[in-house]
C-alpha cells in the first residue's frame, strides 16, 4: 500500500484542505515569473531602441541630414566648376592653341585617371566609405585637369610674348555687333539649302540682320579681294581680308562695300553693310574664317567679345541643323 507524500493544510476561509506547494513548485513559479519579466523587458527595450529615438539619436540624425544636404550642395558646385573648366579647355584647344599652331591636348590626357590600387585605402572601413572615396576621386580628377590646364596656359603665354601684332591680326570678334546673339541664324556644318532643299555643307555662319546693318573687320589686315555684282548667283557683293599668319576672313551678300582692294584695315573698322545680294533668301551676312586657305568654324574666333555664357549660347545656336540663308 502506497502513501502519498503530498502535504495539505486546512484553509479556514474556504473551510477546505488545500495542497501545500513544495520547493520545486515554488521554484518553477519564480522561474516562470522571471522569464516573463525578462521577455517583457526585452520587448520594451527593442521597441525603445528601434522605434523611439533618444534625444542624442535625434541630434545625430539632424546632423547626418545636414551633412547630406551640405554634401549635395558641394557636389553641385563641383559640377558647375567642371562645366566652367570644360569651357576653358574647349577655348584652349580650339582658340588659343590653334592661334599659335599648337596641337590640342589629347582628351585621354585631360581625362586620364590615377594609378595605384591603394590610393584610397585610408578611406575604407567606414559607413560612408563609398561616398567618401567617390568624392575624393572627383576632386582629384578636377585638380589634375586644372594642373594640366595651368601648364597649357603657361605654354600659350610663353608663345604670346612679343606676338602682339599676330594677336591683333587674327579674327577675334563678331563681324556684326550683337550682344543678344539673336541674329545668328545658321552655323558651320551640314545644313538645308534654302533653294534646293537638300543637305549640303555650310562653310560659314549666317547672321540675319536688316539691310544696312554695319559690318566690321574682325582683325587687322589688308583687303585682298572685293566683288560688286548684281548677279543673283553665288555670294553677291563680298569682301576678302588677308590677316597674315595664314588667316583670312570672308564677308558675303553685302549691300554696300565701303573699302577698296589693297586698303589696310584694323579690327573693328567699318567695311560694309548687310545686304541680300547673290544667292540669298533674306538679308544677312555670310561670314567665314579661313586658315591656310581651308575654311574653318568661325565659332572658335569670338573669344574677344563673348562671355562664357554667351559663348555657350552661341555654340548651341550654331549646332542646330536648320536651314541656311544662302
Protein backbone atom coordinates (compact mmCIF):
# COMPACT_ATOMS: atom_id res chain seq x y z
CA UNK A 1 0.00 0.00 0.00
CA UNK A 2 1.49 3.32 -1.17
CA UNK A 3 1.24 6.52 0.80
CA UNK A 4 1.06 9.94 -0.75
CA UNK A 5 3.97 12.29 0.03
CA UNK A 6 1.87 15.34 -0.74
CA UNK A 7 1.00 17.58 2.16
CA UNK A 8 -2.18 19.50 2.79
CA UNK A 9 -3.28 22.28 5.05
CA UNK A 10 -6.72 23.43 6.26
CA UNK A 11 -7.84 26.75 4.80
CA UNK A 12 -10.05 28.38 7.38
CA UNK A 13 -11.53 30.82 4.87
CA UNK A 14 -12.71 28.18 2.40
CA UNK A 15 -13.13 25.55 5.17
CA UNK A 16 -11.31 23.03 2.99
CA UNK A 17 -7.99 21.30 2.67
CA UNK A 18 -5.55 22.63 0.07
CA UNK A 19 -2.39 21.17 -1.32
CA UNK A 20 0.75 22.65 0.17
CA UNK A 21 3.25 23.85 -2.51
CA UNK A 22 6.66 22.24 -2.47
CA UNK A 23 10.01 23.93 -3.02
CA UNK A 24 10.14 22.68 -6.63
CA UNK A 25 6.74 24.12 -7.42
CA UNK A 26 7.76 27.39 -5.83
CA UNK A 27 11.00 27.43 -7.86
CA UNK A 28 9.19 26.87 -11.15
CA UNK A 29 6.68 29.57 -10.29
CA UNK A 30 9.50 32.01 -9.63
CA UNK A 31 11.30 30.91 -12.83
CA UNK A 32 8.14 31.42 -14.87
CA UNK A 33 7.67 34.88 -13.38
CA UNK A 34 11.33 35.80 -14.00
CA UNK A 35 11.22 34.63 -17.63
CA UNK A 36 8.04 36.57 -18.22
CA UNK A 37 9.67 39.67 -16.76
CA UNK A 38 12.82 39.23 -18.91
CA UNK A 39 10.78 38.76 -22.11
CA UNK A 40 8.64 41.77 -21.31
CA UNK A 41 11.71 43.89 -20.55
CA UNK A 42 13.37 42.73 -23.82
CA UNK A 43 10.30 43.67 -25.83
CA UNK A 44 10.19 47.09 -24.21
CA UNK A 45 13.93 47.59 -24.88
CA UNK A 46 13.57 46.56 -28.55
CA UNK A 47 10.66 48.96 -29.01
CA UNK A 48 12.54 51.80 -27.33
CA UNK A 49 15.78 51.29 -29.30
CA UNK A 50 14.18 50.65 -32.71
CA UNK A 51 11.09 52.82 -32.82
CA UNK A 52 11.68 55.64 -30.37
CA UNK A 53 14.78 57.85 -30.75
CA UNK A 54 16.60 59.17 -27.77
CA UNK A 55 17.46 62.91 -27.68
CA UNK A 56 21.06 62.03 -28.58
CA UNK A 57 19.94 59.94 -31.56
CA UNK A 58 17.63 62.71 -32.74
CA UNK A 59 20.53 65.15 -32.63
CA UNK A 60 22.78 62.76 -34.57
CA UNK A 61 20.10 62.24 -37.23
CA UNK A 62 19.74 66.00 -37.67
CA UNK A 63 23.49 66.32 -38.08
CA UNK A 64 23.58 63.50 -40.64
CA UNK A 65 20.73 65.09 -42.62
CA UNK A 66 22.56 68.42 -42.56
CA UNK A 67 25.81 66.77 -43.72
CA UNK A 68 23.96 65.08 -46.59
CA UNK A 69 22.50 68.43 -47.67
CA UNK A 70 25.94 70.05 -47.50
CA UNK A 71 27.42 67.18 -49.48
CA UNK A 72 24.82 67.58 -52.24
CA UNK A 73 25.49 71.34 -52.34
CA UNK A 74 29.23 70.70 -52.68
CA UNK A 75 28.62 68.20 -55.50
CA UNK A 76 26.51 70.81 -57.30
CA UNK A 77 29.33 73.35 -57.01
CA UNK A 78 31.82 70.76 -58.28
CA UNK A 79 29.56 70.11 -61.29
CA UNK A 80 29.47 73.85 -62.00
CA UNK A 81 33.26 74.03 -61.70
CA UNK A 82 33.59 71.13 -64.16
CA UNK A 83 31.36 72.97 -66.66
CA UNK A 84 33.49 76.12 -66.39
CA UNK A 85 36.68 74.08 -66.73
CA UNK A 86 35.26 72.26 -69.75
CA UNK A 87 34.54 75.62 -71.41
CA UNK A 88 38.10 76.80 -70.67
CA UNK A 89 39.51 73.58 -72.14
CA UNK A 90 37.46 73.99 -75.33
CA UNK A 91 38.63 77.55 -75.76
CA UNK A 92 42.21 76.50 -75.09
CA UNK A 93 42.14 73.72 -77.70
CA UNK A 94 40.03 75.47 -80.35
CA UNK A 95 41.15 79.08 -79.98
CA UNK A 96 44.35 79.78 -78.07
CA UNK A 97 46.35 76.74 -79.16
CA UNK A 98 45.02 76.99 -82.73
CA UNK A 99 46.09 80.63 -82.92
CA UNK A 100 49.69 79.66 -82.27
CA UNK A 101 49.58 76.49 -84.34
CA UNK A 102 49.84 74.14 -81.35
CA UNK A 103 48.09 70.78 -81.39
CA UNK A 104 45.15 70.48 -78.96
CA UNK A 105 45.76 68.50 -75.78
CA UNK A 106 44.51 64.95 -76.28
CA UNK A 107 41.30 64.12 -74.42
CA UNK A 108 42.90 60.96 -72.99
CA UNK A 109 45.50 63.15 -71.26
CA UNK A 110 42.99 65.65 -69.89
CA UNK A 111 40.65 62.93 -68.56
CA UNK A 112 43.26 60.36 -67.50
CA UNK A 113 42.71 58.60 -64.19
CA UNK A 114 45.09 57.88 -61.31
CA UNK A 115 47.22 54.82 -60.76
CA UNK A 116 47.71 52.84 -57.56
CA UNK A 117 45.22 50.39 -56.06
CA UNK A 118 45.82 51.64 -52.50
CA UNK A 119 45.35 55.34 -53.25
CA UNK A 120 42.06 55.48 -51.33
CA UNK A 121 42.78 52.72 -48.78
CA UNK A 122 42.68 55.21 -45.88
CA UNK A 123 39.01 55.98 -46.58
CA UNK A 124 37.82 52.37 -46.33
CA UNK A 125 36.15 50.77 -43.31
CA UNK A 126 33.57 53.49 -42.60
CA UNK A 127 29.80 53.57 -43.01
CA UNK A 128 30.09 56.05 -45.89
CA UNK A 129 33.38 54.81 -47.37
CA UNK A 130 31.99 54.53 -50.92
CA UNK A 131 30.68 58.09 -50.77
CA UNK A 132 33.96 59.45 -49.40
CA UNK A 133 36.08 57.59 -51.97
CA UNK A 134 33.89 58.69 -54.91
CA UNK A 135 34.04 62.32 -53.75
CA UNK A 136 37.80 62.17 -53.40
CA UNK A 137 38.13 60.73 -56.91
CA UNK A 138 36.08 63.61 -58.37
CA UNK A 139 38.20 66.20 -56.55
CA UNK A 140 41.46 64.51 -57.60
CA UNK A 141 40.31 64.43 -61.24
CA UNK A 142 39.39 68.11 -61.12
CA UNK A 143 42.73 69.04 -59.57
CA UNK A 144 44.61 67.10 -62.24
CA UNK A 145 42.69 68.77 -65.07
CA UNK A 146 43.35 72.18 -63.51
CA UNK A 147 47.07 71.38 -63.31
CA UNK A 148 47.18 70.31 -66.98
CA UNK A 149 45.24 73.45 -68.00
CA UNK A 150 47.60 75.64 -65.98
CA UNK A 151 50.59 74.13 -67.78
CA UNK A 152 48.88 74.64 -71.14
CA UNK A 153 48.28 78.32 -70.38
CA UNK A 154 51.93 78.68 -69.36
CA UNK A 155 52.85 77.39 -72.82
CA UNK A 156 50.40 79.73 -74.57
CA UNK A 157 51.58 82.76 -72.55
CA UNK A 158 55.17 81.96 -73.48
CA UNK A 159 54.25 81.89 -77.18
CA UNK A 160 52.15 85.06 -76.87
CA UNK A 161 55.06 87.18 -75.67
CA UNK A 162 56.26 89.58 -78.35
CA UNK A 163 53.40 88.50 -80.67
CA UNK A 164 51.04 91.42 -80.16
CA UNK A 165 50.85 92.06 -83.89
CA UNK A 166 49.81 88.46 -84.57
CA UNK A 167 47.10 88.61 -81.90
CA UNK A 168 45.77 91.87 -83.38
CA UNK A 169 45.55 90.35 -86.86
CA UNK A 170 43.82 87.05 -86.13
CA UNK A 171 39.96 87.28 -86.36
CA UNK A 172 38.65 87.54 -82.80
CA UNK A 173 35.30 89.36 -82.75
CA UNK A 174 31.86 89.03 -84.33
CA UNK A 175 31.52 90.79 -87.69
CA UNK A 176 28.18 92.26 -86.56
CA UNK A 177 27.61 93.90 -83.19
CA UNK A 178 25.05 91.71 -81.48
CA UNK A 179 25.11 91.41 -77.71
CA UNK A 180 21.97 89.29 -77.59
CA UNK A 181 23.23 86.83 -80.24
CA UNK A 182 19.72 86.78 -81.72
CA UNK A 183 20.95 87.38 -85.26
CA UNK A 184 22.97 84.18 -85.62
CA UNK A 185 20.68 82.07 -87.81
CA UNK A 186 22.84 79.28 -89.22
CA UNK A 187 26.16 77.75 -88.21
CA UNK A 188 29.08 75.82 -89.68
CA UNK A 189 28.25 72.28 -90.83
CA UNK A 190 25.65 70.35 -92.80
CA UNK A 191 22.56 72.50 -93.37
CA UNK A 192 19.48 72.51 -95.60
CA UNK A 193 19.94 74.54 -98.80
CA UNK A 194 17.18 77.19 -98.94
CA UNK A 195 16.78 76.84 -102.72
CA UNK A 196 17.26 73.13 -103.44
CA UNK A 197 16.05 71.87 -100.00
CA UNK A 198 18.85 69.32 -99.82
CA UNK A 199 21.55 68.97 -97.18
CA UNK A 200 24.95 70.34 -98.04
CA UNK A 201 27.92 71.63 -96.09
CA UNK A 202 27.67 75.25 -94.98
CA UNK A 203 31.21 76.65 -94.66
CA UNK A 204 30.44 79.74 -92.59
CA UNK A 205 27.97 81.38 -90.24
CA UNK A 206 24.90 83.37 -91.28
CA UNK A 207 23.93 86.46 -89.28
CA UNK A 208 20.40 87.61 -90.11
CA UNK A 209 20.16 91.42 -89.90
CA UNK A 210 18.34 94.29 -91.62
CA UNK A 211 19.82 95.69 -94.82
CA UNK A 212 22.29 98.44 -93.92
CA UNK A 213 23.47 96.90 -90.64
CA UNK A 214 27.20 97.77 -90.15
CA UNK A 215 29.81 95.05 -90.77
CA UNK A 216 33.20 95.26 -89.03
CA UNK A 217 36.62 93.79 -89.80
CA UNK A 218 37.32 91.03 -87.27
CA UNK A 219 41.09 91.55 -87.26
CA UNK A 220 43.85 93.74 -88.64
CA UNK A 221 44.69 93.05 -92.29
CA UNK A 222 44.64 94.05 -95.92
CA UNK A 223 41.67 93.96 -98.30
CA UNK A 224 42.72 91.16 -100.63
CA UNK A 225 39.65 90.98 -102.85
CA UNK A 226 36.28 92.67 -103.31
CA UNK A 227 33.40 91.98 -105.65
CA UNK A 228 30.47 94.15 -106.62
CA UNK A 229 27.82 92.50 -108.76
CA UNK A 230 24.10 92.48 -109.46
CA UNK A 231 24.14 88.75 -110.12
CA UNK A 232 21.70 86.58 -108.18
CA UNK A 233 24.26 83.79 -108.05
CA UNK A 234 26.87 82.80 -105.51
CA UNK A 235 27.92 85.29 -102.81
CA UNK A 236 26.88 88.56 -104.45
CA UNK A 237 28.90 91.54 -103.16
CA UNK A 238 31.70 90.35 -100.90
CA UNK A 239 34.99 91.26 -99.19
CA UNK A 240 38.01 89.04 -98.50
CA UNK A 241 40.54 90.25 -95.91
CA UNK A 242 44.05 88.80 -95.64
CA UNK A 243 45.14 89.00 -91.99
CA UNK A 244 48.55 87.43 -92.46
CA UNK A 245 49.78 84.49 -90.43
CA UNK A 246 47.79 82.25 -92.87
CA UNK A 247 44.41 83.72 -91.78
CA UNK A 248 41.66 85.22 -93.96
CA UNK A 249 38.10 86.37 -93.29
CA UNK A 250 35.25 86.49 -95.82
CA UNK A 251 32.08 88.66 -95.80
CA UNK A 252 29.33 87.97 -98.37
CA UNK A 253 25.89 89.14 -99.63
CA UNK A 254 26.72 92.77 -98.80
CA UNK A 255 24.53 95.69 -99.77
CA UNK A 256 27.44 98.14 -99.79
CA UNK A 257 31.22 97.65 -99.88
CA UNK A 258 32.98 100.54 -98.13
CA UNK A 259 36.64 99.54 -98.70
CA UNK A 260 38.98 99.17 -101.66
CA UNK A 261 41.36 96.41 -102.69
CA UNK A 262 44.76 96.83 -101.02
CA UNK A 263 43.37 99.02 -98.23
CA UNK A 264 44.70 98.44 -94.69
CA UNK A 265 42.06 97.87 -92.02
CA UNK A 266 42.10 97.31 -88.28
CA UNK A 267 39.89 95.17 -86.09
CA UNK A 268 36.58 96.96 -85.57
CA UNK A 269 36.81 99.12 -88.72
CA UNK A 270 33.57 99.54 -90.67
CA UNK A 271 33.96 97.75 -94.03
CA UNK A 272 30.42 97.37 -95.40
CA UNK A 273 26.70 96.95 -94.83
CA UNK A 274 24.50 93.86 -94.63
CA UNK A 275 22.57 93.11 -97.81
CA UNK A 276 20.63 90.49 -99.74
CA UNK A 277 22.74 90.13 -102.88
CA UNK A 278 23.69 86.95 -104.75
CA UNK A 279 22.08 83.60 -103.89
CA UNK A 280 20.36 84.80 -100.73
CA UNK A 281 16.81 84.27 -99.43
CA UNK A 282 16.87 87.04 -96.80
CA UNK A 283 19.00 89.93 -95.66
CA UNK A 284 22.01 88.53 -93.83
CA UNK A 285 25.79 88.35 -93.64
CA UNK A 286 27.57 85.12 -94.59
CA UNK A 287 30.87 85.08 -92.66
CA UNK A 288 33.84 82.71 -92.99
CA UNK A 289 37.25 82.27 -91.37
CA UNK A 290 39.98 80.55 -93.38
CA UNK A 291 43.30 79.18 -92.15
CA UNK A 292 45.89 78.16 -94.74
CA UNK A 293 43.12 78.57 -97.34
CA UNK A 294 40.96 76.00 -95.55
CA UNK A 295 37.53 77.08 -94.29
CA UNK A 296 37.23 76.50 -90.53
CA UNK A 297 34.47 77.02 -87.98
CA UNK A 298 34.17 80.76 -87.11
CA UNK A 299 32.59 79.85 -83.74
CA UNK A 300 36.12 79.43 -82.37
CA UNK A 301 37.05 83.06 -83.10
CA UNK A 302 34.67 85.14 -80.97
CA UNK A 303 36.69 84.97 -77.77
CA UNK A 304 37.38 88.69 -77.53
CA UNK A 305 33.81 89.90 -77.09
CA UNK A 306 31.79 86.98 -75.67
CA UNK A 307 31.38 85.91 -72.05
CA UNK A 308 31.44 82.15 -71.24
CA UNK A 309 27.62 82.17 -71.04
CA UNK A 310 27.26 83.97 -74.39
CA UNK A 311 29.82 81.63 -75.95
CA UNK A 312 27.84 78.58 -74.75
CA UNK A 313 24.66 80.08 -76.17
CA UNK A 314 26.41 80.75 -79.48
CA UNK A 315 27.67 77.13 -79.56
CA UNK A 316 24.13 75.85 -79.02
CA UNK A 317 22.64 78.07 -81.71
CA UNK A 318 25.39 77.23 -84.21
CA UNK A 319 24.92 73.48 -83.67
CA UNK A 320 21.26 73.47 -84.75
CA UNK A 321 20.74 71.71 -88.10
CA UNK A 322 18.45 74.33 -89.57
CA UNK A 323 18.14 75.94 -92.99
CA UNK A 324 20.89 78.30 -94.13
CA UNK A 325 20.08 81.62 -95.82
CA UNK A 326 22.33 81.08 -98.86
